[in-house]
Protein backbone atom coordinates (compact mmCIF):
# COMPACT_ATOMS: atom_id res chain seq x y z
CA UNK A 1 10.86 -30.75 77.01
CA UNK A 2 7.34 -31.19 78.41
CA UNK A 3 6.21 -34.81 78.83
CA UNK A 4 3.51 -35.79 76.32
CA UNK A 5 0.08 -36.48 77.74
CA UNK A 6 -1.21 -40.03 77.48
CA UNK A 7 -4.08 -40.51 75.03
CA UNK A 8 -7.45 -39.85 76.63
CA UNK A 9 -5.95 -38.08 79.62
CA UNK A 10 -5.82 -34.37 80.27
CA UNK A 11 -2.28 -33.28 81.17
CA UNK A 12 -2.13 -32.13 84.80
CA UNK A 13 -2.24 -28.38 85.23
CA UNK A 14 -0.26 -26.59 87.93
CA UNK A 15 -2.39 -26.31 91.04
CA UNK A 16 -2.14 -24.16 94.09
CA UNK A 17 -1.17 -26.05 97.24
CA UNK A 18 -4.24 -27.10 99.25
CA UNK A 19 -5.44 -24.68 101.92
CA UNK A 20 -3.70 -25.63 105.14
CA UNK A 21 -6.88 -25.25 107.19
CA UNK A 22 -8.40 -28.30 105.46
CA UNK A 23 -6.78 -30.34 108.26
CA UNK A 24 -9.35 -28.83 110.65
CA UNK A 25 -13.00 -29.04 109.71
CA UNK A 26 -14.74 -25.66 109.98
CA UNK A 27 -17.77 -27.17 111.74
CA UNK A 28 -15.55 -28.78 114.38
CA UNK A 29 -13.67 -25.50 114.83
CA UNK A 30 -17.00 -23.70 115.37
CA UNK A 31 -18.00 -26.25 118.04
CA UNK A 32 -14.71 -25.67 119.90
CA UNK A 33 -15.16 -21.90 119.73
CA UNK A 34 -18.74 -22.23 121.00
CA UNK A 35 -17.44 -24.32 123.94
CA UNK A 36 -14.90 -21.59 124.78
CA UNK A 37 -17.58 -18.87 124.61
CA UNK A 38 -19.91 -21.01 126.70
CA UNK A 39 -17.24 -21.27 129.41
CA UNK A 40 -16.79 -17.49 129.37
CA UNK A 41 -20.55 -16.90 129.72
CA UNK A 42 -21.04 -19.45 132.51
CA UNK A 43 -18.93 -17.39 134.88
CA UNK A 44 -18.76 -13.72 134.03
CA UNK A 45 -15.49 -12.00 134.91
CA UNK A 46 -14.85 -8.37 135.74
CA UNK A 47 -12.64 -8.15 132.66
CA UNK A 48 -12.88 -9.26 129.05
CA UNK A 49 -11.18 -12.64 128.68
CA UNK A 50 -8.57 -13.01 125.96
CA UNK A 51 -8.75 -16.10 123.75
CA UNK A 52 -5.41 -17.69 122.92
CA UNK A 53 -4.22 -20.14 120.31
CA UNK A 54 -1.80 -22.54 122.03
CA UNK A 55 0.62 -24.40 119.79
CA UNK A 56 2.68 -27.53 120.36
CA UNK A 57 5.32 -28.40 117.75
CA UNK A 58 7.16 -31.63 116.93
CA UNK A 59 10.11 -32.80 114.81
CA UNK A 60 11.93 -29.53 115.49
CA UNK A 61 15.30 -29.08 117.15
CA UNK A 62 15.58 -25.47 118.33
CA UNK A 63 19.33 -25.95 118.71
CA UNK A 64 19.95 -27.11 115.13
CA UNK A 65 16.98 -26.09 113.00
CA UNK A 66 16.58 -22.56 111.73
CA UNK A 67 14.33 -20.63 114.10
CA UNK A 68 11.38 -19.10 112.31
CA UNK A 69 9.72 -15.78 113.04
CA UNK A 70 6.81 -14.03 111.36
CA UNK A 71 3.77 -11.90 111.98
CA UNK A 72 0.39 -11.58 110.34
CA UNK A 73 -2.47 -9.11 110.66
CA UNK A 74 -5.78 -10.76 111.50
CA UNK A 75 -9.05 -9.55 110.01
CA UNK A 76 -10.56 -8.57 113.37
CA UNK A 77 -9.09 -6.82 116.44
CA UNK A 78 -7.81 -9.55 118.74
CA UNK A 79 -6.68 -7.47 121.75
CA UNK A 80 -8.91 -4.41 122.24
CA UNK A 81 -7.46 -3.70 125.71
CA UNK A 82 -3.84 -3.76 124.51
CA UNK A 83 -1.81 -0.97 126.18
CA UNK A 84 0.09 1.12 123.64
CA UNK A 85 2.40 4.09 124.18
CA UNK A 86 3.42 6.60 121.49
CA UNK A 87 7.04 7.76 121.44
CA UNK A 88 6.41 10.79 119.33
CA UNK A 89 7.48 14.04 117.79
CA UNK A 90 5.35 17.13 118.47
CA UNK A 91 2.73 16.10 115.86
CA UNK A 92 2.19 12.55 117.14
CA UNK A 93 2.27 13.58 120.82
CA UNK A 94 -0.48 16.09 120.08
CA UNK A 95 -2.51 13.42 118.26
CA UNK A 96 -2.00 10.96 121.12
CA UNK A 97 -3.12 13.54 123.69
CA UNK A 98 -6.28 14.27 121.66
CA UNK A 99 -7.15 10.56 121.53
CA UNK A 100 -6.30 9.84 125.18
CA UNK A 101 -3.30 7.64 124.37
CA UNK A 102 -0.17 7.59 126.56
CA UNK A 103 2.85 9.22 124.97
CA UNK A 104 6.47 10.21 125.64
CA UNK A 105 8.55 12.93 124.03
CA UNK A 106 12.30 12.76 123.44
CA UNK A 107 12.78 14.81 126.62
CA UNK A 108 10.63 12.33 128.53
CA UNK A 109 12.87 9.47 127.39
CA UNK A 110 16.03 11.44 128.18
CA UNK A 111 14.74 11.79 131.74
CA UNK A 112 15.20 8.01 132.17
CA UNK A 113 18.94 8.74 131.96
CA UNK A 114 19.51 5.25 130.43
CA UNK A 115 18.68 3.69 133.82
CA UNK A 116 18.10 0.01 132.98
CA UNK A 117 15.68 -0.62 135.87
CA UNK A 118 13.51 2.39 134.99
CA UNK A 119 13.49 1.47 131.27
CA UNK A 120 12.58 -2.15 132.09
CA UNK A 121 9.72 -0.98 134.31
CA UNK A 122 8.57 1.42 131.57
CA UNK A 123 8.60 -1.39 128.96
CA UNK A 124 6.52 -3.64 131.27
CA UNK A 125 3.75 -1.04 131.47
CA UNK A 126 2.81 -1.48 127.80
CA UNK A 127 2.21 -4.30 125.35
CA UNK A 128 3.59 -2.32 122.40
CA UNK A 129 5.00 1.02 121.27
CA UNK A 130 4.54 3.28 118.26
CA UNK A 131 7.24 5.78 117.30
CA UNK A 132 7.57 8.73 114.92
CA UNK A 133 10.26 8.47 112.25
CA UNK A 134 12.47 11.09 113.95
CA UNK A 135 12.11 9.29 117.29
CA UNK A 136 12.70 5.73 116.14
CA UNK A 137 16.24 6.64 115.10
CA UNK A 138 16.93 7.99 118.59
CA UNK A 139 15.59 5.00 120.56
CA UNK A 140 18.92 3.07 120.78
CA UNK A 141 20.74 6.23 121.90
CA UNK A 142 18.08 7.28 124.44
CA UNK A 143 17.04 3.89 125.84
CA UNK A 144 19.80 1.48 124.88
CA UNK A 145 18.72 -2.10 124.04
CA UNK A 146 15.96 -2.20 126.70
CA UNK A 147 12.89 -2.24 124.43
CA UNK A 148 14.57 -4.59 121.97
CA UNK A 149 15.39 -7.09 124.74
CA UNK A 150 11.77 -6.96 125.89
CA UNK A 151 10.66 -7.75 122.31
CA UNK A 152 8.87 -4.40 122.14
CA UNK A 153 10.91 -2.32 119.72
CA UNK A 154 8.52 0.39 118.44
CA UNK A 155 6.54 0.13 115.22
CA UNK A 156 6.98 3.10 112.89
CA UNK A 157 4.06 5.50 112.42
CA UNK A 158 4.17 8.22 109.78
CA UNK A 159 2.25 11.50 109.70
CA UNK A 160 0.17 10.14 106.80
CA UNK A 161 -1.22 7.32 108.97
CA UNK A 162 -4.15 7.79 111.33
CA UNK A 163 -3.18 6.96 114.91
CA UNK A 164 -6.42 5.05 115.58
CA UNK A 165 -6.08 2.75 112.56
CA UNK A 166 -2.38 2.15 113.30
CA UNK A 167 -3.28 1.11 116.84
CA UNK A 168 -5.98 -1.24 115.51
CA UNK A 169 -3.34 -2.76 113.24
CA UNK A 170 -1.14 -3.50 116.28
CA UNK A 171 -4.11 -4.91 118.19
CA UNK A 172 -4.85 -7.24 115.26
CA UNK A 173 -1.29 -8.46 114.62
CA UNK A 174 0.00 -11.77 115.97
CA UNK A 175 3.62 -12.90 116.04
CA UNK A 176 5.04 -16.41 115.89
CA UNK A 177 8.65 -17.00 116.90
CA UNK A 178 10.42 -20.26 117.66
CA UNK A 179 12.64 -19.89 120.72
CA UNK A 180 14.15 -22.59 122.93
CA UNK A 181 10.96 -24.57 123.53
CA UNK A 182 8.48 -26.29 121.21
CA UNK A 183 5.39 -24.53 122.53
CA UNK A 184 4.07 -21.02 121.95
CA UNK A 185 0.84 -19.08 122.17
CA UNK A 186 -0.72 -15.91 120.81
CA UNK A 187 -3.94 -13.94 121.34
CA UNK A 188 -6.40 -14.47 118.48
CA UNK A 189 -9.52 -12.89 119.97
CA UNK A 190 -11.58 -12.03 123.04
CA UNK A 191 -14.78 -13.16 124.73
CA UNK A 192 -16.93 -10.35 123.28
CA UNK A 193 -16.24 -11.21 119.62
CA UNK A 194 -18.75 -12.72 117.24
CA UNK A 195 -18.24 -16.46 116.69
CA UNK A 196 -17.63 -15.98 112.95
CA UNK A 197 -14.96 -13.33 113.66
CA UNK A 198 -13.01 -15.60 115.99
CA UNK A 199 -13.24 -18.54 113.57
CA UNK A 200 -11.96 -16.24 110.81
CA UNK A 201 -9.03 -15.07 112.97
CA UNK A 202 -8.18 -18.65 113.94
CA UNK A 203 -8.11 -19.85 110.34
CA UNK A 204 -5.82 -17.01 109.30
CA UNK A 205 -3.48 -17.49 112.28
CA UNK A 206 -3.21 -21.27 111.86
CA UNK A 207 -2.68 -21.05 108.09
CA UNK A 208 0.09 -18.50 108.57
CA UNK A 209 1.77 -20.53 111.32
CA UNK A 210 1.74 -23.69 109.19
CA UNK A 211 3.28 -21.77 106.28
CA UNK A 212 6.25 -20.86 108.53
CA UNK A 213 7.01 -24.47 109.50
CA UNK A 214 9.61 -26.38 107.48
CA UNK A 215 7.33 -29.43 107.05
CA UNK A 216 4.02 -27.61 107.45
CA UNK A 217 1.41 -29.79 109.22
CA UNK A 218 3.99 -32.53 109.94
CA UNK A 219 5.53 -30.16 112.49
CA UNK A 220 2.24 -29.52 114.31
CA UNK A 221 1.78 -31.69 117.39
CA UNK A 222 -1.29 -30.02 118.86
CA UNK A 223 -3.43 -26.88 118.67
CA UNK A 224 -5.67 -25.68 121.49
CA UNK A 225 -7.80 -22.60 122.04
CA UNK A 226 -8.36 -21.28 125.54
CA UNK A 227 -9.89 -18.24 127.22
CA UNK A 228 -7.93 -16.56 130.05
CA UNK A 229 -9.78 -18.44 132.81
CA UNK A 230 -11.35 -21.24 130.79
CA UNK A 231 -10.70 -24.86 129.89
CA UNK A 232 -8.54 -25.56 126.79
CA UNK A 233 -10.33 -26.96 123.72
CA UNK A 234 -8.22 -29.09 121.39
CA UNK A 235 -8.80 -28.14 117.75
CA UNK A 236 -6.03 -30.36 116.29
């Protein structure tokens, strides 16, 4: 039975858990992002610097505790220069060729002859892979466990999906996975983004990370943001 409310008091209503990002003030986050951008602008590079979220965890035992893994799509493209290869059927290879995207057919993969060194070198050339439905089933047979070991098993693309938007989805997706150490990092943006876009991506990434942790913020030791060549800025 429901407990009776005390006279003069409104019984408490179920509330959503507080937004995790409340631990970091938005204004302070903006200042840190501005400092990162300022560092990028002080010394212009010949490439677009990536901006990473660097995470330190605490009160976790990777040997005993369940290792978490998850991925979330950010609202803005985080890695515009990400190298992607399409492992496609005739339709997707044709689409890839039209859009100037690298691709491999089944025959192209067969030519590797399951040579582990060649497959490893091939996997290193790209950040991610897309594969047609007919191809994704053949990957283990054609390439063995090579792409899986590299953490680059292809993402499925159907003929109903536009190749460009699917690639943007990959470029906007970040993954968090606890391995043997209590630190990790992921790309959340780049030096040519708008400040508001990077702040938005950071909030989404941090909220999602905290939701994966067994004790939420109690497991977060530190959070930094850093451009490729810049100085880290501590946001938590």
